[in-house]
Protein backbone atom coordinates (compact mmCIF):
# COMPACT_ATOMS: atom_id res chain seq x y z
CA MET A 1 51.35 166.74 138.20
CA PRO A 2 48.30 167.30 136.41
CA GLU A 3 47.89 165.60 133.30
CA SER A 4 46.87 168.56 131.39
CA ARG A 5 50.21 170.18 133.17
CA VAL A 6 51.89 167.34 131.65
CA ASN A 7 50.87 167.70 127.88
CA SER A 8 51.85 171.29 127.73
CA ALA A 9 54.91 170.65 129.31
CA ARG A 10 55.78 168.48 126.33
CA GLU A 11 54.72 170.46 123.31
CA ALA A 12 56.35 173.41 125.16
CA GLY A 13 59.81 171.75 124.13
CA ALA A 14 61.49 169.24 121.41
CA ASP A 15 61.93 166.06 121.81
CA LEU A 16 64.92 164.60 123.57
CA HIS A 17 65.81 160.98 123.71
CA LEU A 18 68.01 160.56 126.79
CA GLU A 19 68.85 157.25 128.31
CA VAL A 20 69.10 157.73 132.31
CA SER A 21 70.12 155.66 135.04
CA ALA A 22 67.46 154.53 137.39
CA SER A 23 69.60 154.08 139.77
CA GLY A 24 71.64 156.62 142.22
CA PRO A 25 70.00 160.14 142.59
CA ARG A 26 68.13 161.48 139.65
CA ARG A 27 70.19 164.56 139.41
CA ALA A 28 73.30 162.86 138.52
CA ALA A 29 71.91 160.21 136.69
CA VAL A 30 70.05 163.29 133.96
CA ALA A 31 73.35 165.16 134.31
CA ALA A 32 75.31 161.61 132.95
CA GLY A 33 72.78 160.35 130.05
CA LEU A 34 73.73 164.37 128.99
CA ARG A 35 77.23 163.88 129.01
CA ALA A 36 77.29 161.15 127.60
CA ALA A 37 74.83 162.13 124.33
CA VAL A 38 77.82 165.14 123.93
CA ARG A 39 80.74 162.86 124.24
CA SER A 40 79.03 160.22 121.39
CA GLY A 41 78.14 163.27 118.64
CA ARG A 42 74.72 162.65 119.22
CA LEU A 43 74.16 165.80 120.24
CA ALA A 44 76.10 168.23 117.93
CA PRO A 45 77.87 171.37 119.43
CA GLY A 46 74.98 174.13 119.11
CA THR A 47 72.40 171.90 119.53
CA ARG A 48 69.44 173.83 121.88
CA LEU A 49 68.26 172.00 125.02
CA PRO A 50 64.77 171.73 125.62
CA PRO A 51 63.31 173.60 128.23
CA TYR A 52 64.07 172.88 132.64
CA ARG A 53 59.61 171.79 132.54
CA SER A 54 59.72 170.15 128.82
CA LEU A 55 62.58 167.45 129.82
CA ALA A 56 61.22 166.79 133.42
CA ALA A 57 57.56 166.19 132.31
CA ASP A 58 59.45 163.39 129.10
CA LEU A 59 61.81 162.08 132.33
CA GLY A 60 59.35 161.52 135.24
CA VAL A 61 61.41 163.81 137.65
CA ALA A 62 61.25 167.08 138.91
CA ARG A 63 61.83 170.77 137.20
CA ASN A 64 64.59 171.16 139.75
CA THR A 65 66.27 167.83 138.90
CA VAL A 66 66.64 168.98 135.65
CA ALA A 67 68.34 172.97 136.34
CA ASP A 68 70.48 171.28 138.65
CA ALA A 69 71.92 168.93 136.38
CA TYR A 70 72.20 171.66 133.38
CA ALA A 71 73.33 173.84 135.95
CA GLU A 72 76.26 171.46 136.54
CA LEU A 73 77.57 171.27 132.89
CA VAL A 74 77.29 174.43 132.46
CA ALA A 75 79.69 174.81 135.34
CA GLU A 76 82.31 171.78 133.63
CA GLY A 77 81.64 173.70 130.50
CA TRP A 78 79.59 171.48 128.68
CA LEU A 79 76.58 173.35 128.10
CA THR A 80 76.23 177.12 127.54
CA ALA A 81 73.13 179.06 128.71
CA ARG A 82 72.01 182.86 127.61
CA GLN A 83 69.06 184.78 128.66
CA GLY A 84 66.96 184.77 125.35
CA SER A 85 69.04 182.04 124.14
CA GLY A 86 68.07 178.30 126.02
CA THR A 87 70.65 176.42 126.83
CA ARG A 88 73.02 174.63 124.36
CA VAL A 89 75.48 172.10 123.93
CA ALA A 90 78.43 174.07 123.81
CA GLU A 91 80.53 174.89 121.10
CA ARG A 92 83.75 173.80 122.28
CA VAL A 93 82.76 170.50 123.34
CA ALA A 94 84.26 167.96 120.37
CA ALA A 95 82.45 164.78 119.71
CA ARG A 96 84.84 161.46 120.27
CA PRO A 97 86.04 160.47 116.61
CA ARG A 98 84.72 157.54 115.11
CA PRO A 99 87.31 155.29 113.71
CA VAL A 100 87.95 155.81 110.04
CA PRO A 101 88.43 152.82 108.33
CA ARG A 102 92.08 151.92 106.71
CA LYS A 103 92.50 152.99 102.79
CA SER A 104 94.19 151.10 100.30
CA PRO A 105 97.43 153.04 99.28
CA GLU A 106 97.59 152.08 96.19
CA ARG A 107 93.86 152.66 95.07
CA GLU A 108 91.91 155.86 95.37
CA PRO A 109 88.56 157.13 95.99
CA ALA A 110 85.79 156.30 92.88
CA SER A 111 85.60 159.76 92.20
CA HIS A 112 84.07 159.22 88.47
CA ASP A 113 80.88 156.92 87.99
CA LEU A 114 80.49 155.22 85.11
CA ARG A 115 78.65 152.85 85.99
CA GLN A 116 75.44 151.76 83.75
CA GLY A 117 71.64 151.60 84.41
CA GLN A 118 71.99 155.26 86.03
CA PRO A 119 70.34 158.14 84.62
CA ASP A 120 71.81 161.43 85.38
CA ALA A 121 70.30 162.44 88.60
CA THR A 122 70.80 165.78 88.36
CA SER A 123 68.54 166.25 85.46
CA PHE A 124 65.09 164.88 86.86
CA PRO A 125 62.61 167.16 86.05
CA ARG A 126 61.89 168.89 89.37
CA ALA A 127 59.47 171.86 88.85
CA ALA A 128 57.64 169.75 86.52
CA TRP A 129 57.64 167.04 88.43
CA GLY A 130 56.09 169.54 91.58
CA ALA A 131 53.14 170.87 88.96
CA ALA A 132 52.36 167.51 88.38
CA VAL A 133 52.58 166.51 91.49
CA ARG A 134 50.44 169.33 92.60
CA ARG A 135 47.86 169.09 89.55
CA ALA A 136 47.53 165.51 90.37
CA ILE A 137 46.51 165.60 94.11
CA THR A 138 44.19 168.90 93.43
CA ALA A 139 42.14 166.58 90.77
CA ALA A 140 41.98 163.34 93.05
CA PRO A 141 39.03 161.66 93.29
CA HIS A 142 38.13 161.13 96.55
CA ASP A 143 38.56 157.31 96.40
CA ALA A 144 42.73 157.69 95.44
CA PHE A 145 43.30 157.77 98.88
CA ALA A 146 41.02 155.22 100.34
CA PRO A 147 42.71 151.56 100.18
CA ALA A 148 44.44 150.65 96.68
CA ASP A 149 43.60 148.85 94.02
CA PRO A 150 46.34 146.47 92.22
CA HIS A 151 45.57 146.83 89.40
CA GLY A 152 47.24 149.96 89.86
CA ARG A 153 45.27 153.91 88.86
CA PRO A 154 42.73 153.89 86.28
CA GLU A 155 44.20 157.51 85.54
CA LEU A 156 47.77 155.91 85.42
CA ARG A 157 46.49 152.88 83.31
CA ARG A 158 44.65 155.12 80.73
CA ALA A 159 47.41 157.56 80.08
CA LEU A 160 50.20 154.46 80.00
CA ALA A 161 47.93 152.55 77.50
CA GLY A 162 47.99 155.74 74.97
CA TYR A 163 51.56 156.45 75.11
CA LEU A 164 52.56 153.39 74.84
CA ALA A 165 51.15 152.49 71.51
CA ARG A 166 51.93 155.86 70.33
CA ALA A 167 55.39 155.88 71.56
CA ARG A 168 56.53 152.14 71.55
CA GLY A 169 53.83 150.42 68.92
CA VAL A 170 52.52 148.51 71.97
CA THR A 171 48.45 147.53 71.56
CA ALA A 172 47.02 147.23 74.69
CA THR A 173 43.62 148.13 76.53
CA PRO A 174 43.93 149.57 79.99
CA ASP A 175 42.46 147.34 81.40
CA GLN A 176 45.75 144.94 80.88
CA ILE A 177 47.69 146.68 82.04
CA VAL A 178 49.19 146.01 85.57
CA VAL A 179 50.82 148.84 87.80
CA CYS A 180 54.37 147.09 89.27
CA ALA A 181 57.05 148.69 91.29
CA GLY A 182 59.69 148.56 87.96
CA PHE A 183 61.12 145.04 86.31
CA ALA A 184 62.58 143.22 89.00
CA HIS A 185 59.29 143.54 91.11
CA GLY A 186 57.31 142.34 87.78
CA LEU A 187 59.62 138.97 87.93
CA ARG A 188 59.07 138.05 91.16
CA LEU A 189 54.99 138.95 90.55
CA LEU A 190 55.42 136.49 87.06
CA PHE A 191 57.56 134.10 88.74
CA GLY A 192 57.56 133.91 93.09
CA GLY A 193 53.60 134.11 92.20
CA GLY A 194 53.04 131.51 90.52
CA VAL A 195 51.79 133.17 87.21
CA LEU A 196 54.54 131.90 85.26
CA SER A 197 57.41 129.14 86.05
CA GLY A 198 60.89 127.35 84.80
CA PRO A 199 62.38 126.76 83.28
CA LEU A 200 62.70 129.70 80.88
CA ALA A 201 65.50 130.85 78.17
CA VAL A 202 67.18 133.68 78.78
CA GLU A 203 70.36 135.88 76.80
CA PRO A 204 73.65 134.84 77.50
CA TYR A 205 73.63 138.56 78.89
CA GLY A 206 71.99 139.89 81.51
CA LEU A 207 71.69 141.71 84.93
CA PRO A 208 72.88 138.80 87.55
CA PHE A 209 70.00 140.27 89.48
CA HIS A 210 67.67 139.08 87.80
CA ARG A 211 68.58 135.69 87.14
CA GLY A 212 68.73 135.42 91.09
CA ILE A 213 64.96 136.48 91.59
CA LEU A 214 64.03 134.02 88.75
CA ALA A 215 66.26 131.43 90.56
CA ASP A 216 64.79 132.42 94.21
CA ALA A 217 61.31 131.77 92.35
CA GLY A 218 62.96 128.21 91.06
CA ALA A 219 63.17 128.97 87.58
CA ARG A 220 66.28 127.53 86.03
CA THR A 221 67.54 129.29 83.33
CA LEU A 222 68.45 128.21 80.43
CA PRO A 223 70.99 130.59 77.94
CA LEU A 224 71.14 131.20 74.39
CA GLY A 225 73.62 131.95 71.74
CA LEU A 226 74.34 135.48 70.37
CA ASP A 227 75.34 137.37 67.22
CA ASP A 228 75.20 140.24 65.53
CA GLN A 229 71.63 139.73 64.67
CA GLY A 230 70.75 139.18 68.50
CA ALA A 231 69.72 136.56 70.78
CA ARG A 232 69.60 133.38 68.62
CA THR A 233 65.96 132.38 69.17
CA ASP A 234 67.03 129.60 66.74
CA GLN A 235 67.87 127.71 69.52
CA LEU A 236 64.19 127.78 71.32
CA ALA A 237 63.27 124.98 69.77
CA SER A 238 65.96 123.13 71.92
CA ALA A 239 65.10 125.01 75.21
CA ARG A 240 63.82 121.78 77.08
CA GLY A 241 60.56 122.49 79.40
CA ALA A 242 60.95 126.56 78.39
CA ARG A 243 57.87 127.91 77.81
CA ALA A 244 58.86 131.86 78.27
CA VAL A 245 62.31 133.45 76.82
CA LEU A 246 63.06 136.72 78.75
CA LEU A 247 64.83 139.52 75.98
CA THR A 248 65.83 142.83 75.66
CA PRO A 249 64.54 142.83 71.55
CA ALA A 250 64.85 147.47 71.73
CA HIS A 251 68.96 147.49 73.03
CA GLN A 252 70.39 143.68 74.37
CA PHE A 253 71.84 143.94 77.22
CA PRO A 254 74.52 144.52 77.80
CA THR A 255 76.24 143.93 74.19
CA GLY A 256 74.45 146.77 73.05
CA GLY A 257 72.49 145.10 69.85
CA PRO A 258 69.21 145.16 68.67
CA LEU A 259 66.98 141.93 67.95
CA LEU A 260 66.83 142.15 64.15
CA PRO A 261 63.04 141.88 62.30
CA ALA A 262 63.36 137.36 61.30
CA ARG A 263 64.35 137.01 65.13
CA ARG A 264 61.92 139.10 66.88
CA ALA A 265 59.20 137.35 64.20
CA GLU A 266 60.88 133.86 65.43
CA ALA A 267 60.58 134.31 68.86
CA VAL A 268 56.71 134.95 68.38
CA ASP A 269 56.17 131.94 66.62
CA TRP A 270 57.54 129.91 69.28
CA ALA A 271 55.97 131.61 72.24
CA ARG A 272 52.85 130.95 69.61
CA GLY A 273 53.57 127.10 68.94
CA ARG A 274 54.55 126.52 72.73
CA GLY A 275 51.40 128.15 74.34
CA GLY A 276 54.28 130.10 75.72
CA VAL A 277 55.10 134.05 76.50
CA VAL A 278 58.09 136.22 75.74
CA LEU A 279 58.88 138.02 78.31
CA GLU A 280 59.93 141.77 76.77
CA ASP A 281 62.34 144.19 79.13
CA ASP A 282 62.32 147.58 77.09
CA TYR A 283 64.13 149.31 79.59
CA ASP A 284 65.76 151.92 77.87
CA GLY A 285 63.37 151.62 74.71
CA GLU A 286 63.05 155.52 73.85
CA PHE A 287 66.87 156.09 73.72
CA ARG A 288 67.36 155.70 70.09
CA TYR A 289 70.06 157.96 68.52
CA ASP A 290 71.00 156.88 64.83
CA ARG A 291 67.65 156.32 63.81
CA GLU A 292 64.03 156.66 65.64
CA PRO A 293 63.44 153.42 68.07
CA VAL A 294 61.94 150.39 66.97
CA GLY A 295 58.62 149.24 68.30
CA ALA A 296 58.06 146.91 70.63
CA VAL A 297 57.79 143.03 69.92
CA GLN A 298 54.39 143.57 71.46
CA GLY A 299 53.02 144.65 68.85
CA LEU A 300 53.11 141.61 66.74
CA ASP A 301 51.24 139.24 69.31
CA PRO A 302 49.95 140.90 72.17
CA ASP A 303 48.52 137.27 73.41
CA HIS A 304 51.41 136.03 73.63
CA VAL A 305 53.74 139.28 75.06
CA VAL A 306 54.43 140.03 78.44
CA TYR A 307 55.58 143.79 78.06
CA ILE A 308 57.51 145.24 80.99
CA GLY A 309 58.60 148.54 80.89
CA SER A 310 59.70 151.46 84.10
CA VAL A 311 60.43 154.82 84.42
CA SER A 312 63.98 153.91 85.90
CA LYS A 313 65.47 155.11 82.67
CA SER A 314 63.40 157.86 81.86
CA LEU A 315 63.04 159.77 84.74
CA SER A 316 64.71 158.41 87.78
CA PRO A 317 64.88 154.96 89.78
CA ALA A 318 63.99 156.37 92.61
CA ILE A 319 59.89 156.72 91.68
CA ARG A 320 59.75 153.33 91.76
CA LEU A 321 57.00 152.58 89.38
CA GLY A 322 56.45 150.14 86.29
CA TRP A 323 54.08 149.04 84.12
CA MET A 324 53.28 145.26 82.92
CA VAL A 325 51.12 145.01 79.67
CA LEU A 326 49.76 141.38 79.96
CA PRO A 327 47.81 138.57 77.34
CA PRO A 328 44.52 139.02 79.17
CA HIS A 329 44.76 135.84 80.32
CA LEU A 330 47.36 136.19 82.99
CA VAL A 331 46.10 139.40 83.82
CA ASP A 332 43.32 137.88 86.61
CA ASP A 333 46.30 135.30 88.14
CA LEU A 334 48.95 138.29 87.97
CA LEU A 335 46.55 140.50 90.70
CA ALA A 336 45.85 137.52 92.52
CA ALA A 337 49.80 137.20 92.93
CA LYS A 338 50.56 141.15 93.39
CA GLY A 339 46.87 141.15 96.07
CA LEU A 340 48.54 138.13 98.09
CA ARG A 341 51.99 138.87 98.32
CA GLU A 342 53.82 142.30 97.31
CA ALA A 343 53.00 145.89 98.60
CA TRP A 344 51.53 148.11 96.23
CA THR A 345 52.96 151.25 94.70
CA GLY A 346 52.14 154.63 96.23
CA VAL A 347 48.91 156.20 95.25
CA THR A 348 50.59 159.60 94.84
CA ASP A 349 53.36 159.15 92.45
CA GLN A 350 50.73 157.06 89.98
CA LEU A 351 48.33 159.87 89.74
CA ALA A 352 51.69 162.17 89.43
CA LEU A 353 52.70 160.85 86.43
CA ALA A 354 49.34 160.21 85.06
CA ALA A 355 49.12 164.33 85.04
CA PHE A 356 52.93 164.15 83.60
CA ILE A 357 52.06 161.85 80.67
CA GLU A 358 48.57 163.61 80.05
CA SER A 359 50.78 167.18 79.86
CA GLY A 360 53.20 166.57 77.51
CA GLN A 361 56.16 166.86 80.09
CA TYR A 362 56.88 163.36 79.51
CA ASP A 363 57.80 163.08 75.96
CA LYS A 364 59.39 166.46 76.39
CA HIS A 365 61.97 165.40 78.94
CA VAL A 366 62.22 161.90 77.18
CA ARG A 367 63.32 164.18 73.69
CA ARG A 368 65.35 166.45 75.83
CA MET A 369 67.68 163.69 78.01
CA ARG A 370 67.74 161.37 74.37
CA GLN A 371 69.50 164.50 72.86
CA ARG A 372 71.80 165.01 76.51
CA TYR A 373 72.81 161.49 76.33
CA ARG A 374 73.45 161.03 72.17
CA ALA A 375 75.90 163.97 72.70
CA ARG A 376 77.71 162.40 75.52
CA ARG A 377 77.49 159.07 73.62
CA ASP A 378 79.03 161.12 70.92
CA LEU A 379 82.04 162.51 73.43
CA LEU A 380 82.51 158.64 74.74
CA VAL A 381 83.43 157.51 70.53
CA ALA A 382 85.20 160.67 69.74
CA ALA A 383 87.45 160.73 73.03
CA LEU A 384 88.72 157.02 72.04
CA ALA A 385 89.09 157.54 68.53
CA GLU A 386 91.98 160.20 69.51
CA ARG A 387 93.45 158.54 72.95
CA ALA A 388 92.59 154.79 72.95
CA PRO A 389 92.00 154.45 69.04
CA HIS A 390 92.63 150.18 69.78
CA VAL A 391 89.57 149.87 72.04
CA ALA A 392 86.48 149.81 69.32
CA VAL A 393 82.55 151.13 71.31
CA THR A 394 80.11 148.25 69.75
CA GLY A 395 76.32 147.97 69.69
CA ILE A 396 73.98 150.62 68.77
CA ALA A 397 73.68 154.36 69.30
CA ALA A 398 71.19 154.02 71.69
CA GLY A 399 70.84 154.08 75.45
CA LEU A 400 72.68 155.37 78.62
CA HIS A 401 75.84 152.66 78.44
CA ALA A 402 77.94 151.31 75.42
CA VAL A 403 80.11 148.45 75.34
CA LEU A 404 84.26 149.25 74.88
CA ARG A 405 86.04 145.66 73.15
CA LEU A 406 88.75 145.47 74.61
CA PRO A 407 92.03 143.03 73.48
CA PRO A 408 91.32 139.79 75.19
CA GLY A 409 92.83 138.60 78.31
CA THR A 410 92.85 142.52 78.81
CA GLU A 411 88.95 143.14 81.15
CA ALA A 412 90.03 141.99 84.73
CA ALA A 413 93.21 144.28 84.22
CA ALA A 414 91.07 147.04 83.18
CA VAL A 415 89.02 146.96 85.61
CA GLU A 416 91.14 147.15 87.78
CA ALA A 417 93.39 150.26 86.80
CA ALA A 418 89.99 151.82 86.55
CA ALA A 419 89.35 150.87 90.13
CA ARG A 420 92.82 152.57 91.17
CA ALA A 421 92.32 155.38 88.95
CA GLY A 422 89.19 156.53 90.58
CA VAL A 423 86.76 155.10 88.22
CA ALA A 424 83.68 153.17 88.48
CA LEU A 425 82.23 150.45 85.80
CA ASP A 426 81.73 146.67 85.53
CA GLY A 427 83.22 144.51 83.24
CA LEU A 428 81.16 142.52 80.39
CA ALA A 429 81.86 139.34 82.15
CA ALA A 430 79.65 140.27 85.10
CA PHE A 431 77.14 139.88 83.59
CA ARG A 432 77.81 136.95 81.41
CA HIS A 433 75.18 134.10 82.34
CA PRO A 434 77.27 131.38 84.08
CA GLY A 435 76.02 128.28 81.96
CA SER A 436 76.96 130.98 78.55
CA PRO A 437 77.77 128.38 75.43
CA GLU A 438 79.16 131.56 73.61
CA PRO A 439 82.87 131.89 74.33
CA HIS A 440 83.28 135.68 76.31
CA GLN A 441 84.29 138.69 74.54
CA ASP A 442 86.51 140.89 76.78
CA GLY A 443 85.04 144.37 77.16
CA LEU A 444 84.06 147.03 79.22
CA VAL A 445 80.36 148.56 80.22
CA VAL A 446 80.98 151.93 80.42
CA GLY A 447 77.67 154.22 81.66
CA TYR A 448 77.59 157.56 80.34
CA ALA A 449 74.41 158.75 81.73
CA ALA A 450 74.88 158.96 85.41
CA PRO A 451 78.20 161.39 85.93
CA SER A 452 76.76 165.61 86.38
CA GLU A 453 77.20 167.20 82.98
CA HIS A 454 80.87 169.82 84.72
CA ARG A 455 81.83 165.75 85.41
CA TYR A 456 81.23 164.25 82.20
CA ARG A 457 84.29 165.30 80.65
CA PRO A 458 86.53 164.65 83.75
CA ALA A 459 85.52 160.99 83.96
CA LEU A 460 86.07 160.74 80.29
CA HIS A 461 89.50 161.64 80.21
CA ALA A 462 90.18 159.62 83.90
CA LEU A 463 88.66 156.75 81.98
CA CYS A 464 90.94 157.26 78.57
CA ARG A 465 94.26 157.68 80.92
CA VAL A 466 93.11 154.22 81.68
CA LEU A 467 92.47 152.83 78.20
CA SER A 468 95.69 153.79 77.08
CA ASP A 469 97.90 151.65 78.81
CA VAL A 470 95.58 148.91 78.23
């Protein structure tokens, strides 16, 4: 067949991947390949097959070979053929059922998601974000679609400099901001890229995932103590070899307390004296409910604090965008590490976030979600006071999760009971540094943001049923 005719035939029908044996009669091989595709479920009932000529061109066989194979399968009941409707997989053909994993009889599937760290996905501002995308793409200069700059788009860095100064008390020029894909990406760049090295001091509770990133980079972590004033920054002086400390000052993760002013100043003074840095993880700093959000530690000393934030809690973890505000002397090293070792974040999302911030929609969304999450936390506190008064909610009114203190020795049983009741949550022990000097206090980490509005109250009822028996 001439090449022009082959190309036109292929364009006339849908693509269909078919395993056809090279041995034996071609018609039989095509028919067998179609049967196998239908039997496995890869071609579902009702699927329209390509025209004879299109499939014949793709397979490199004669048109009549495919026509005869179709006719054979129609006669056998695998396919149906109607004038004007083409050839389709018969509706009555059932795919071979896949084996279903056996479920434990005593444990229900998790129908209530109360895991920490997840915003309400149903509240994503689709219309406003879509408008920001369209506006950003329309206004973008041509160089936005050329090879990217590891620094990040200037539009976003300018927008972030203004927003962070206004909302979080961060002091930075756009040149000090490097766009990344989130906090974990920032850690990989800083330590995996050789910008910083361990050992570093850390809080006694935190995400094991982050500790794993540091361990992979060869950075040993030295846990501090923790009390009602936050991390024991007075212990930094005895953290041998450390020139960096990782803190969550606005809302300690996950225990929920703030780092009080004297401790903030102590951490900055230690970094100055060591020629080191404070790594500030501002993972949910916008969400404080009992008062105005406390400003970032970075504002105390921009030359000795690396401030890291993202939109994973405020907008969605699906938008892989974060930022690092760096002391000026670390910017070039970070850019070198990013350029050599890491993928860059998508330009389209960077431009959209810049437009979203500049239009005021980001502030509007954060204020709306602040009200919604505060109401959810209040519901949690009220429900526990009524139905499980022996369980205390600790920490400040902030963020997307709360820690529920439990009687000693009951945490593991409570987590297991919740799993049996279909409630997904974590015990506090899952976040404890294995070398922590502090005795563990039993508790549950309950994320009240993840369920949709209509699923939240049923999730609370299920949780209270579990806790009433603890």
